[in-house]
Amino acid sequence: MTEDTSGSAAQSAADPDILPDTPITAPTLERIGEIFTQQGLQYRIEEHPAPEAPESADAPDAPAPHDSESEAPAEESQAPATLRVLRTGFSNAAIAMQIRNNTLVVDSVWRGQVPVSEGPHLLMINNQWNAEHFAPTLRFYEGQDHNQSLVVSAVRELHITPGVSRNQLGAFVMSTLNSVLEAFAWIEQHYPQLVTWEDPHHD
């Protein structure tokens, strides 16, 4: 379904707080940061060395074929030298945004720690959310405390090969933040005893 944006220019002129839309271009973490700044949200962009790809165990010493296709410039197939991540968060969530190949990935972790014994019940809760909501996808995995707890995560992705405008990127980013908070609120409804922090925005 295509959204009607015919009145966006007039609306932008009437409301100075609404920025005009932009041409469709490749999204960057800097563009996402501009949206955060406009919305008064804090964030930071981190850069880390990219891990080296492991060698194939099936053919560790296999020579490269000598056909014309294999002689393409090496830089076209090489992974980026650094990993760039935009990080933000709320009182109950840590959120990371990263561009991987042709996908904008938003991953998040809930602050609470669920006992491992709650695994079957947590799986049921996650499945119910995923069946009833388009996004984000709830999942969980074992924590790093000697398998004593489960970590709840929410993830959403956007295919970005065609590029996005400012409004499209802003709509995705803001709706994702809202849906992540809604998903974690759903978890907190089922595990109120695990909420050991205070929401500074709660009266």
N, C-alpha and C. Protein backbone atom coordinates (compact mmCIF):
# COMPACT_ATOMS: atom_id res chain seq x y z
N MET A 1 0.85 -1.19 0.00
CA MET A 1 0.00 0.00 0.00
C MET A 1 0.88 1.23 0.00
N THR A 2 0.58 2.17 -0.89
CA THR A 2 1.38 3.39 -1.02
C THR A 2 0.76 4.51 -0.23
N GLU A 3 1.57 5.18 0.56
CA GLU A 3 1.08 6.27 1.39
C GLU A 3 0.97 7.54 0.57
N ASP A 4 -0.12 8.29 0.74
CA ASP A 4 -0.34 9.54 0.03
C ASP A 4 0.42 10.64 0.74
N THR A 5 1.39 11.23 0.04
CA THR A 5 2.20 12.30 0.63
C THR A 5 1.98 13.62 -0.08
N SER A 6 0.84 13.78 -0.77
CA SER A 6 0.61 14.98 -1.57
C SER A 6 0.53 16.22 -0.72
N GLY A 7 0.10 16.08 0.54
CA GLY A 7 -0.04 17.26 1.38
C GLY A 7 1.13 17.50 2.29
N SER A 8 2.22 16.75 2.12
CA SER A 8 3.34 16.87 3.05
C SER A 8 4.02 18.22 2.96
N ALA A 9 4.14 18.78 1.75
CA ALA A 9 4.82 20.06 1.60
C ALA A 9 4.06 21.17 2.28
N ALA A 10 2.73 21.17 2.09
CA ALA A 10 1.92 22.20 2.73
C ALA A 10 1.95 22.06 4.24
N GLN A 11 1.94 20.82 4.72
CA GLN A 11 1.98 20.59 6.16
C GLN A 11 3.31 21.04 6.74
N SER A 12 4.40 20.81 6.01
CA SER A 12 5.71 21.23 6.48
C SER A 12 5.81 22.74 6.57
N ALA A 13 5.20 23.43 5.60
CA ALA A 13 5.23 24.89 5.62
C ALA A 13 4.42 25.44 6.77
N ALA A 14 3.33 24.74 7.13
CA ALA A 14 2.48 25.22 8.22
C ALA A 14 3.10 24.95 9.58
N ASP A 15 3.86 23.88 9.69
CA ASP A 15 4.46 23.51 10.96
C ASP A 15 5.98 23.52 10.81
N PRO A 16 6.67 24.50 11.35
CA PRO A 16 8.12 24.58 11.16
C PRO A 16 8.89 23.45 11.81
N ASP A 17 8.25 22.70 12.73
CA ASP A 17 8.94 21.60 13.39
C ASP A 17 9.00 20.35 12.53
N ILE A 18 8.22 20.31 11.45
CA ILE A 18 8.21 19.16 10.56
C ILE A 18 9.14 19.44 9.39
N LEU A 19 10.20 18.66 9.28
CA LEU A 19 11.17 18.89 8.22
C LEU A 19 10.61 18.38 6.89
N PRO A 20 10.94 19.05 5.78
CA PRO A 20 10.47 18.57 4.48
C PRO A 20 11.13 17.25 4.14
N ASP A 21 10.45 16.46 3.29
CA ASP A 21 11.01 15.17 2.91
C ASP A 21 12.21 15.38 1.99
N THR A 22 12.99 14.33 1.81
CA THR A 22 14.20 14.40 1.01
C THR A 22 14.14 13.36 -0.10
N PRO A 23 15.01 13.45 -1.08
CA PRO A 23 15.08 12.39 -2.09
C PRO A 23 15.46 11.06 -1.48
N ILE A 24 15.17 9.99 -2.21
CA ILE A 24 15.48 8.64 -1.73
C ILE A 24 16.98 8.40 -1.89
N THR A 25 17.66 8.20 -0.78
CA THR A 25 19.10 7.94 -0.77
C THR A 25 19.41 6.82 0.22
N ALA A 26 20.63 6.35 0.17
CA ALA A 26 21.04 5.26 1.07
C ALA A 26 21.03 5.75 2.51
N PRO A 27 20.46 4.99 3.43
CA PRO A 27 20.47 5.39 4.84
C PRO A 27 21.85 5.23 5.45
N THR A 28 22.16 6.08 6.39
CA THR A 28 23.42 6.00 7.14
C THR A 28 23.11 6.18 8.62
N LEU A 29 24.04 5.82 9.46
CA LEU A 29 23.85 6.05 10.89
C LEU A 29 23.79 7.53 11.20
N GLU A 30 24.49 8.35 10.40
CA GLU A 30 24.43 9.79 10.60
C GLU A 30 23.03 10.32 10.31
N ARG A 31 22.37 9.80 9.30
CA ARG A 31 21.00 10.22 9.01
C ARG A 31 20.06 9.82 10.15
N ILE A 32 20.28 8.63 10.69
CA ILE A 32 19.47 8.20 11.84
C ILE A 32 19.75 9.11 13.03
N GLY A 33 21.01 9.48 13.22
CA GLY A 33 21.36 10.38 14.31
C GLY A 33 20.67 11.72 14.19
N GLU A 34 20.49 12.23 12.97
CA GLU A 34 19.77 13.49 12.77
C GLU A 34 18.33 13.37 13.26
N ILE A 35 17.73 12.22 13.02
CA ILE A 35 16.36 11.99 13.48
C ILE A 35 16.32 11.97 15.01
N PHE A 36 17.28 11.32 15.63
CA PHE A 36 17.34 11.30 17.09
C PHE A 36 17.50 12.71 17.64
N THR A 37 18.36 13.49 17.02
CA THR A 37 18.58 14.87 17.47
C THR A 37 17.31 15.69 17.35
N GLN A 38 16.61 15.54 16.24
CA GLN A 38 15.36 16.26 16.04
C GLN A 38 14.32 15.90 17.09
N GLN A 39 14.31 14.62 17.51
CA GLN A 39 13.34 14.15 18.49
C GLN A 39 13.82 14.35 19.93
N GLY A 40 15.01 14.91 20.11
CA GLY A 40 15.53 15.13 21.46
C GLY A 40 15.97 13.86 22.16
N LEU A 41 16.41 12.87 21.39
CA LEU A 41 16.84 11.59 21.96
C LEU A 41 18.37 11.50 21.94
N GLN A 42 18.92 10.91 22.98
CA GLN A 42 20.37 10.77 23.07
C GLN A 42 20.82 9.49 22.36
N TYR A 43 22.01 9.55 21.80
CA TYR A 43 22.57 8.39 21.12
C TYR A 43 24.08 8.57 21.01
N ARG A 44 24.74 7.51 20.61
CA ARG A 44 26.16 7.60 20.28
C ARG A 44 26.46 6.60 19.16
N ILE A 45 27.44 6.93 18.34
CA ILE A 45 27.87 6.05 17.26
C ILE A 45 29.25 5.49 17.62
N GLU A 46 29.35 4.17 17.63
CA GLU A 46 30.60 3.50 17.99
C GLU A 46 31.20 2.82 16.76
N GLU A 47 32.50 2.71 16.75
CA GLU A 47 33.21 1.98 15.71
C GLU A 47 34.12 0.94 16.36
N HIS A 48 34.05 -0.28 15.86
CA HIS A 48 34.87 -1.37 16.39
C HIS A 48 35.52 -2.11 15.23
N PRO A 49 36.71 -2.65 15.42
CA PRO A 49 37.34 -3.45 14.37
C PRO A 49 36.46 -4.64 14.02
N ALA A 50 36.30 -4.88 12.74
CA ALA A 50 35.48 -6.01 12.30
C ALA A 50 36.24 -7.31 12.55
N PRO A 51 35.57 -8.33 13.07
CA PRO A 51 36.25 -9.62 13.27
C PRO A 51 36.63 -10.25 11.95
N GLU A 52 37.74 -10.95 11.94
CA GLU A 52 38.18 -11.61 10.72
C GLU A 52 37.29 -12.81 10.44
N ALA A 53 36.95 -12.99 9.16
CA ALA A 53 36.12 -14.13 8.78
C ALA A 53 36.92 -15.42 8.94
N PRO A 54 36.33 -16.44 9.58
CA PRO A 54 37.06 -17.70 9.75
C PRO A 54 37.27 -18.40 8.42
N GLU A 55 38.38 -19.11 8.30
CA GLU A 55 38.63 -19.87 7.09
C GLU A 55 37.70 -21.07 7.03
N SER A 56 37.35 -21.48 5.81
CA SER A 56 36.46 -22.61 5.62
C SER A 56 37.12 -23.89 6.09
N ALA A 57 36.40 -24.66 6.89
CA ALA A 57 36.95 -25.92 7.39
C ALA A 57 36.93 -27.00 6.32
N ASP A 58 36.06 -26.83 5.30
CA ASP A 58 35.93 -27.85 4.26
C ASP A 58 37.12 -27.83 3.30
N ALA A 59 37.60 -26.65 2.98
CA ALA A 59 38.71 -26.54 2.03
C ALA A 59 39.60 -25.39 2.44
N PRO A 60 40.39 -25.56 3.51
CA PRO A 60 41.17 -24.44 4.03
C PRO A 60 42.24 -23.96 3.08
N ASP A 61 42.77 -24.86 2.24
CA ASP A 61 43.88 -24.49 1.36
C ASP A 61 43.49 -24.53 -0.11
N ALA A 62 42.19 -24.46 -0.39
CA ALA A 62 41.76 -24.55 -1.78
C ALA A 62 42.19 -23.32 -2.54
N PRO A 63 42.84 -23.49 -3.71
CA PRO A 63 43.25 -22.33 -4.49
C PRO A 63 42.07 -21.66 -5.14
N ALA A 64 42.20 -20.36 -5.39
CA ALA A 64 41.13 -19.62 -6.04
C ALA A 64 41.07 -20.01 -7.51
N PRO A 65 39.85 -20.14 -8.08
CA PRO A 65 39.74 -20.47 -9.50
C PRO A 65 40.29 -19.34 -10.35
N HIS A 66 40.74 -19.69 -11.56
CA HIS A 66 41.39 -18.71 -12.42
C HIS A 66 40.49 -18.31 -13.58
N ASP A 67 39.19 -18.18 -13.32
CA ASP A 67 38.30 -17.69 -14.37
C ASP A 67 38.19 -16.19 -14.26
N SER A 68 37.56 -15.58 -15.25
CA SER A 68 37.50 -14.13 -15.33
C SER A 68 36.67 -13.53 -14.21
N GLU A 69 35.63 -14.24 -13.75
CA GLU A 69 34.77 -13.69 -12.72
C GLU A 69 35.50 -13.60 -11.38
N SER A 70 36.42 -14.52 -11.13
CA SER A 70 37.12 -14.52 -9.84
C SER A 70 38.18 -13.44 -9.76
N GLU A 71 38.47 -12.76 -10.87
CA GLU A 71 39.50 -11.75 -10.88
C GLU A 71 38.95 -10.36 -10.66
N ALA A 72 37.73 -10.26 -10.13
CA ALA A 72 37.15 -8.96 -9.82
C ALA A 72 37.95 -8.32 -8.70
N PRO A 73 37.94 -6.99 -8.62
CA PRO A 73 38.70 -6.30 -7.56
C PRO A 73 38.35 -6.85 -6.19
N ALA A 74 39.36 -7.10 -5.38
CA ALA A 74 39.15 -7.73 -4.07
C ALA A 74 38.31 -6.86 -3.16
N GLU A 75 38.41 -5.52 -3.28
CA GLU A 75 37.70 -4.67 -2.35
C GLU A 75 36.20 -4.75 -2.49
N GLU A 76 35.69 -5.25 -3.63
CA GLU A 76 34.26 -5.34 -3.81
C GLU A 76 33.65 -6.44 -2.95
N SER A 77 34.44 -7.48 -2.61
CA SER A 77 33.91 -8.59 -1.83
C SER A 77 34.39 -8.59 -0.39
N GLN A 78 35.27 -7.65 -0.05
CA GLN A 78 35.79 -7.64 1.31
C GLN A 78 34.78 -7.04 2.28
N ALA A 79 34.78 -7.57 3.49
CA ALA A 79 33.92 -7.01 4.54
C ALA A 79 34.50 -5.68 5.00
N PRO A 80 33.67 -4.79 5.54
CA PRO A 80 34.19 -3.52 6.03
C PRO A 80 35.21 -3.72 7.13
N ALA A 81 36.19 -2.82 7.18
CA ALA A 81 37.27 -2.95 8.17
C ALA A 81 36.78 -2.65 9.58
N THR A 82 35.71 -1.88 9.70
CA THR A 82 35.16 -1.54 11.02
C THR A 82 33.66 -1.78 11.04
N LEU A 83 33.16 -2.07 12.22
CA LEU A 83 31.73 -2.20 12.45
C LEU A 83 31.24 -0.93 13.13
N ARG A 84 30.21 -0.32 12.56
CA ARG A 84 29.67 0.92 13.11
C ARG A 84 28.28 0.64 13.68
N VAL A 85 28.05 1.09 14.89
CA VAL A 85 26.79 0.82 15.59
C VAL A 85 26.29 2.11 16.23
N LEU A 86 25.01 2.40 16.05
CA LEU A 86 24.37 3.50 16.77
C LEU A 86 23.68 2.91 17.98
N ARG A 87 24.00 3.43 19.15
CA ARG A 87 23.43 2.91 20.40
C ARG A 87 22.57 3.97 21.08
N THR A 88 21.46 3.50 21.61
CA THR A 88 20.59 4.34 22.41
C THR A 88 19.91 3.44 23.43
N GLY A 89 19.01 3.98 24.21
CA GLY A 89 18.35 3.13 25.20
C GLY A 89 17.36 3.89 26.04
N PHE A 90 16.63 3.12 26.82
CA PHE A 90 15.66 3.65 27.77
C PHE A 90 15.89 2.96 29.11
N SER A 91 15.07 3.26 30.08
CA SER A 91 15.31 2.71 31.41
C SER A 91 15.26 1.19 31.43
N ASN A 92 14.52 0.59 30.50
CA ASN A 92 14.36 -0.86 30.50
C ASN A 92 14.96 -1.55 29.28
N ALA A 93 15.64 -0.79 28.41
CA ALA A 93 16.09 -1.39 27.15
C ALA A 93 17.38 -0.77 26.66
N ALA A 94 18.24 -1.61 26.10
CA ALA A 94 19.42 -1.15 25.36
C ALA A 94 19.18 -1.47 23.89
N ILE A 95 19.38 -0.49 23.02
CA ILE A 95 19.02 -0.62 21.61
C ILE A 95 20.24 -0.30 20.75
N ALA A 96 20.46 -1.12 19.73
CA ALA A 96 21.57 -0.92 18.80
C ALA A 96 21.05 -0.98 17.37
N MET A 97 21.53 -0.06 16.54
CA MET A 97 21.17 -0.03 15.12
C MET A 97 22.43 -0.17 14.30
N GLN A 98 22.35 -1.03 13.29
CA GLN A 98 23.52 -1.30 12.46
C GLN A 98 23.08 -1.58 11.03
N ILE A 99 23.87 -1.12 10.07
CA ILE A 99 23.60 -1.40 8.66
C ILE A 99 24.48 -2.57 8.25
N ARG A 100 23.83 -3.67 7.88
CA ARG A 100 24.54 -4.88 7.46
C ARG A 100 24.15 -5.19 6.03
N ASN A 101 25.09 -5.04 5.13
CA ASN A 101 24.85 -5.26 3.71
C ASN A 101 23.68 -4.39 3.25
N ASN A 102 22.55 -4.99 2.91
CA ASN A 102 21.41 -4.24 2.41
C ASN A 102 20.28 -4.15 3.43
N THR A 103 20.61 -4.25 4.71
CA THR A 103 19.59 -4.30 5.75
C THR A 103 19.95 -3.39 6.91
N LEU A 104 18.96 -2.62 7.36
CA LEU A 104 19.09 -1.86 8.60
C LEU A 104 18.53 -2.73 9.72
N VAL A 105 19.38 -3.11 10.65
CA VAL A 105 19.00 -4.02 11.72
C VAL A 105 18.90 -3.24 13.03
N VAL A 106 17.75 -3.37 13.69
CA VAL A 106 17.55 -2.77 15.01
C VAL A 106 17.40 -3.92 16.00
N ASP A 107 18.36 -4.05 16.88
CA ASP A 107 18.34 -5.11 17.89
C ASP A 107 18.29 -4.47 19.27
N SER A 108 17.66 -5.13 20.20
CA SER A 108 17.49 -4.56 21.53
C SER A 108 17.48 -5.67 22.57
N VAL A 109 17.81 -5.28 23.80
CA VAL A 109 17.85 -6.23 24.91
C VAL A 109 17.06 -5.64 26.07
N TRP A 110 16.19 -6.46 26.64
CA TRP A 110 15.43 -6.05 27.82
C TRP A 110 16.33 -6.10 29.04
N ARG A 111 16.11 -5.18 29.96
CA ARG A 111 16.98 -5.06 31.13
C ARG A 111 16.78 -6.20 32.12
N GLY A 112 15.60 -6.76 32.17
CA GLY A 112 15.32 -7.81 33.15
C GLY A 112 16.05 -9.11 32.84
N GLN A 113 16.22 -9.92 33.86
CA GLN A 113 16.86 -11.23 33.74
C GLN A 113 15.85 -12.29 34.14
N VAL A 114 15.50 -13.16 33.20
CA VAL A 114 14.48 -14.18 33.43
C VAL A 114 15.16 -15.48 33.86
N PRO A 115 14.70 -16.10 34.94
CA PRO A 115 15.29 -17.38 35.36
C PRO A 115 15.18 -18.43 34.25
N VAL A 116 16.18 -19.28 34.15
CA VAL A 116 16.18 -20.32 33.13
C VAL A 116 14.98 -21.24 33.27
N SER A 117 14.52 -21.44 34.49
CA SER A 117 13.36 -22.31 34.72
C SER A 117 12.10 -21.78 34.06
N GLU A 118 12.08 -20.49 33.71
CA GLU A 118 10.91 -19.89 33.07
C GLU A 118 10.95 -20.02 31.55
N GLY A 119 11.93 -20.78 31.02
CA GLY A 119 12.08 -20.90 29.58
C GLY A 119 10.81 -21.28 28.83
N PRO A 120 10.11 -22.36 29.22
CA PRO A 120 8.89 -22.73 28.50
C PRO A 120 7.82 -21.65 28.54
N HIS A 121 7.64 -21.02 29.70
CA HIS A 121 6.63 -19.96 29.81
C HIS A 121 7.03 -18.74 29.00
N LEU A 122 8.31 -18.39 29.03
CA LEU A 122 8.79 -17.24 28.26
C LEU A 122 8.63 -17.51 26.76
N LEU A 123 8.88 -18.72 26.33
CA LEU A 123 8.69 -19.07 24.93
C LEU A 123 7.23 -18.89 24.52
N MET A 124 6.31 -19.29 25.37
CA MET A 124 4.89 -19.14 25.08
C MET A 124 4.51 -17.66 24.97
N ILE A 125 5.04 -16.84 25.88
CA ILE A 125 4.75 -15.41 25.86
C ILE A 125 5.30 -14.77 24.58
N ASN A 126 6.53 -15.12 24.23
CA ASN A 126 7.13 -14.57 23.01
C ASN A 126 6.35 -14.98 21.77
N ASN A 127 5.97 -16.25 21.70
CA ASN A 127 5.22 -16.74 20.55
C ASN A 127 3.88 -16.03 20.42
N GLN A 128 3.24 -15.76 21.55
CA GLN A 128 1.96 -15.06 21.49
C GLN A 128 2.14 -13.65 20.95
N TRP A 129 3.18 -12.95 21.43
CA TRP A 129 3.45 -11.60 20.91
C TRP A 129 3.73 -11.65 19.41
N ASN A 130 4.60 -12.55 18.99
CA ASN A 130 4.98 -12.63 17.58
C ASN A 130 3.81 -12.98 16.68
N ALA A 131 2.86 -13.75 17.20
CA ALA A 131 1.70 -14.12 16.40
C ALA A 131 0.70 -12.97 16.27
N GLU A 132 0.70 -12.07 17.25
CA GLU A 132 -0.30 -11.01 17.27
C GLU A 132 0.23 -9.66 16.82
N HIS A 133 1.53 -9.53 16.60
CA HIS A 133 2.12 -8.25 16.25
C HIS A 133 3.06 -8.40 15.06
N PHE A 134 3.05 -7.37 14.20
CA PHE A 134 3.92 -7.37 13.02
C PHE A 134 5.38 -7.23 13.41
N ALA A 135 5.65 -6.39 14.36
CA ALA A 135 7.04 -6.14 14.78
C ALA A 135 7.02 -5.54 16.18
N PRO A 136 8.15 -5.68 16.89
CA PRO A 136 9.36 -6.43 16.55
C PRO A 136 9.19 -7.91 16.86
N THR A 137 10.16 -8.70 16.46
CA THR A 137 10.17 -10.12 16.78
C THR A 137 10.84 -10.33 18.13
N LEU A 138 10.11 -10.94 19.05
CA LEU A 138 10.67 -11.25 20.37
C LEU A 138 11.38 -12.60 20.33
N ARG A 139 12.50 -12.69 21.00
CA ARG A 139 13.26 -13.92 21.11
C ARG A 139 14.03 -13.89 22.43
N PHE A 140 14.68 -14.98 22.77
CA PHE A 140 15.51 -14.98 23.98
C PHE A 140 16.65 -15.96 23.82
N TYR A 141 17.66 -15.77 24.64
CA TYR A 141 18.83 -16.65 24.61
C TYR A 141 19.43 -16.69 26.01
N GLU A 142 20.33 -17.63 26.22
CA GLU A 142 20.95 -17.78 27.53
C GLU A 142 21.91 -16.64 27.82
N GLY A 143 21.90 -16.16 29.06
CA GLY A 143 22.80 -15.10 29.45
C GLY A 143 24.21 -15.61 29.69
N GLN A 144 25.08 -14.71 30.11
CA GLN A 144 26.49 -15.06 30.31
C GLN A 144 26.82 -15.35 31.77
N ASP A 145 25.81 -15.50 32.60
CA ASP A 145 26.03 -15.76 34.02
C ASP A 145 25.91 -17.26 34.32
N HIS A 146 26.70 -18.05 33.60
CA HIS A 146 26.73 -19.50 33.82
C HIS A 146 25.34 -20.11 33.64
N ASN A 147 24.61 -19.62 32.62
CA ASN A 147 23.32 -20.18 32.25
C ASN A 147 22.29 -20.11 33.38
N GLN A 148 22.36 -19.07 34.19
CA GLN A 148 21.40 -18.90 35.27
C GLN A 148 20.21 -18.04 34.87
N SER A 149 20.30 -17.34 33.74
CA SER A 149 19.22 -16.44 33.34
C SER A 149 19.07 -16.43 31.83
N LEU A 150 17.92 -15.92 31.39
CA LEU A 150 17.60 -15.78 29.98
C LEU A 150 17.50 -14.30 29.64
N VAL A 151 18.01 -13.93 28.48
CA VAL A 151 17.99 -12.55 28.01
C VAL A 151 16.93 -12.42 26.93
N VAL A 152 16.03 -11.45 27.09
CA VAL A 152 14.96 -11.21 26.12
C VAL A 152 15.42 -10.14 25.14
N SER A 153 15.22 -10.42 23.87
CA SER A 153 15.65 -9.51 22.81
C SER A 153 14.50 -9.25 21.86
N ALA A 154 14.48 -8.05 21.27
CA ALA A 154 13.49 -7.69 20.25
C ALA A 154 14.23 -7.16 19.04
N VAL A 155 13.90 -7.64 17.85
CA VAL A 155 14.63 -7.26 16.64
C VAL A 155 13.65 -6.90 15.53
N ARG A 156 14.07 -5.93 14.71
CA ARG A 156 13.30 -5.55 13.53
C ARG A 156 14.29 -5.15 12.44
N GLU A 157 13.95 -5.44 11.18
CA GLU A 157 14.85 -5.16 10.08
C GLU A 157 14.12 -4.43 8.96
N LEU A 158 14.90 -3.66 8.18
CA LEU A 158 14.37 -2.92 7.03
C LEU A 158 15.30 -3.14 5.85
N HIS A 159 14.73 -3.61 4.73
CA HIS A 159 15.52 -3.77 3.51
C HIS A 159 15.73 -2.39 2.90
N ILE A 160 16.98 -2.02 2.66
CA ILE A 160 17.29 -0.64 2.30
C ILE A 160 17.94 -0.50 0.93
N THR A 161 17.93 -1.55 0.12
CA THR A 161 18.55 -1.44 -1.21
C THR A 161 17.97 -0.30 -2.03
N PRO A 162 16.64 -0.10 -2.06
CA PRO A 162 16.11 1.02 -2.87
C PRO A 162 16.44 2.39 -2.30
N GLY A 163 16.90 2.46 -1.06
CA GLY A 163 17.10 3.74 -0.39
C GLY A 163 15.84 4.19 0.33
N VAL A 164 15.95 5.23 1.15
CA VAL A 164 14.80 5.74 1.89
C VAL A 164 14.88 7.25 1.96
N SER A 165 13.72 7.88 2.06
CA SER A 165 13.66 9.33 2.27
C SER A 165 13.74 9.62 3.76
N ARG A 166 13.82 10.90 4.11
CA ARG A 166 13.86 11.27 5.52
C ARG A 166 12.61 10.79 6.25
N ASN A 167 11.45 11.02 5.65
CA ASN A 167 10.20 10.63 6.31
C ASN A 167 10.10 9.12 6.46
N GLN A 168 10.51 8.38 5.43
CA GLN A 168 10.45 6.93 5.51
C GLN A 168 11.38 6.40 6.60
N LEU A 169 12.59 6.93 6.65
CA LEU A 169 13.55 6.49 7.66
C LEU A 169 13.08 6.88 9.06
N GLY A 170 12.57 8.11 9.18
CA GLY A 170 12.08 8.56 10.48
C GLY A 170 10.90 7.74 10.96
N ALA A 171 9.99 7.40 10.04
CA ALA A 171 8.83 6.59 10.42
C ALA A 171 9.27 5.22 10.89
N PHE A 172 10.24 4.62 10.20
CA PHE A 172 10.71 3.30 10.61
C PHE A 172 11.40 3.36 11.97
N VAL A 173 12.28 4.32 12.14
CA VAL A 173 13.05 4.42 13.39
C VAL A 173 12.13 4.66 14.57
N MET A 174 11.24 5.65 14.48
CA MET A 174 10.39 6.00 15.61
C MET A 174 9.37 4.91 15.91
N SER A 175 8.79 4.31 14.86
CA SER A 175 7.83 3.23 15.10
C SER A 175 8.52 2.02 15.70
N THR A 176 9.77 1.79 15.33
CA THR A 176 10.51 0.67 15.90
C THR A 176 10.80 0.90 17.38
N LEU A 177 11.22 2.11 17.73
CA LEU A 177 11.46 2.41 19.15
C LEU A 177 10.18 2.20 19.96
N ASN A 178 9.06 2.70 19.44
CA ASN A 178 7.79 2.55 20.16
C ASN A 178 7.39 1.09 20.29
N SER A 179 7.55 0.32 19.21
CA SER A 179 7.14 -1.08 19.25
C SER A 179 8.05 -1.91 20.15
N VAL A 180 9.33 -1.57 20.21
CA VAL A 180 10.23 -2.27 21.13
C VAL A 180 9.80 -2.03 22.58
N LEU A 181 9.47 -0.79 22.91
CA LEU A 181 9.02 -0.49 24.27
C LEU A 181 7.71 -1.19 24.58
N GLU A 182 6.82 -1.28 23.59
CA GLU A 182 5.56 -2.00 23.79
C GLU A 182 5.81 -3.49 24.02
N ALA A 183 6.75 -4.05 23.26
CA ALA A 183 7.06 -5.47 23.41
C ALA A 183 7.63 -5.76 24.79
N PHE A 184 8.52 -4.90 25.26
CA PHE A 184 9.10 -5.13 26.58
C PHE A 184 8.09 -4.85 27.69
N ALA A 185 7.15 -3.93 27.45
CA ALA A 185 6.07 -3.73 28.42
C ALA A 185 5.22 -4.99 28.52
N TRP A 186 5.05 -5.68 27.39
CA TRP A 186 4.33 -6.95 27.38
C TRP A 186 5.04 -7.98 28.27
N ILE A 187 6.35 -8.05 28.16
CA ILE A 187 7.12 -8.97 29.00
C ILE A 187 6.98 -8.58 30.47
N GLU A 188 7.02 -7.29 30.75
CA GLU A 188 6.94 -6.81 32.13
C GLU A 188 5.57 -7.08 32.75
N GLN A 189 4.53 -7.13 31.93
CA GLN A 189 3.20 -7.48 32.45
C GLN A 189 3.18 -8.91 32.98
N HIS A 190 3.96 -9.77 32.36
CA HIS A 190 4.00 -11.17 32.78
C HIS A 190 5.04 -11.44 33.85
N TYR A 191 6.03 -10.54 33.96
CA TYR A 191 7.08 -10.71 34.97
C TYR A 191 7.31 -9.41 35.73
N PRO A 192 6.28 -8.91 36.42
CA PRO A 192 6.46 -7.65 37.15
C PRO A 192 7.49 -7.76 38.26
N GLN A 193 7.68 -8.95 38.80
CA GLN A 193 8.64 -9.13 39.88
C GLN A 193 10.08 -8.97 39.41
N LEU A 194 10.31 -9.00 38.10
CA LEU A 194 11.66 -8.86 37.57
C LEU A 194 12.03 -7.42 37.26
N VAL A 195 11.07 -6.51 37.39
CA VAL A 195 11.33 -5.09 37.14
C VAL A 195 11.91 -4.50 38.42
N THR A 196 13.21 -4.31 38.45
CA THR A 196 13.91 -3.82 39.64
C THR A 196 14.40 -2.40 39.47
N TRP A 197 13.94 -1.71 38.45
CA TRP A 197 14.36 -0.33 38.17
C TRP A 197 13.14 0.57 38.15
N GLU A 198 13.37 1.86 38.16
CA GLU A 198 12.30 2.84 38.11
C GLU A 198 12.32 3.56 36.78
N ASP A 199 11.13 3.79 36.22
CA ASP A 199 11.01 4.56 34.99
C ASP A 199 10.97 6.03 35.35
N PRO A 200 11.95 6.84 34.91
CA PRO A 200 11.95 8.26 35.28
C PRO A 200 10.79 9.04 34.70
N HIS A 201 10.10 8.47 33.68
CA HIS A 201 8.97 9.17 33.08
C HIS A 201 7.64 8.73 33.67
N HIS A 202 7.70 7.80 34.65
CA HIS A 202 6.46 7.31 35.24
C HIS A 202 6.11 8.15 36.46
N ASP A 203 4.88 8.67 36.48
CA ASP A 203 4.42 9.50 37.60
C ASP A 203 3.85 8.61 38.71
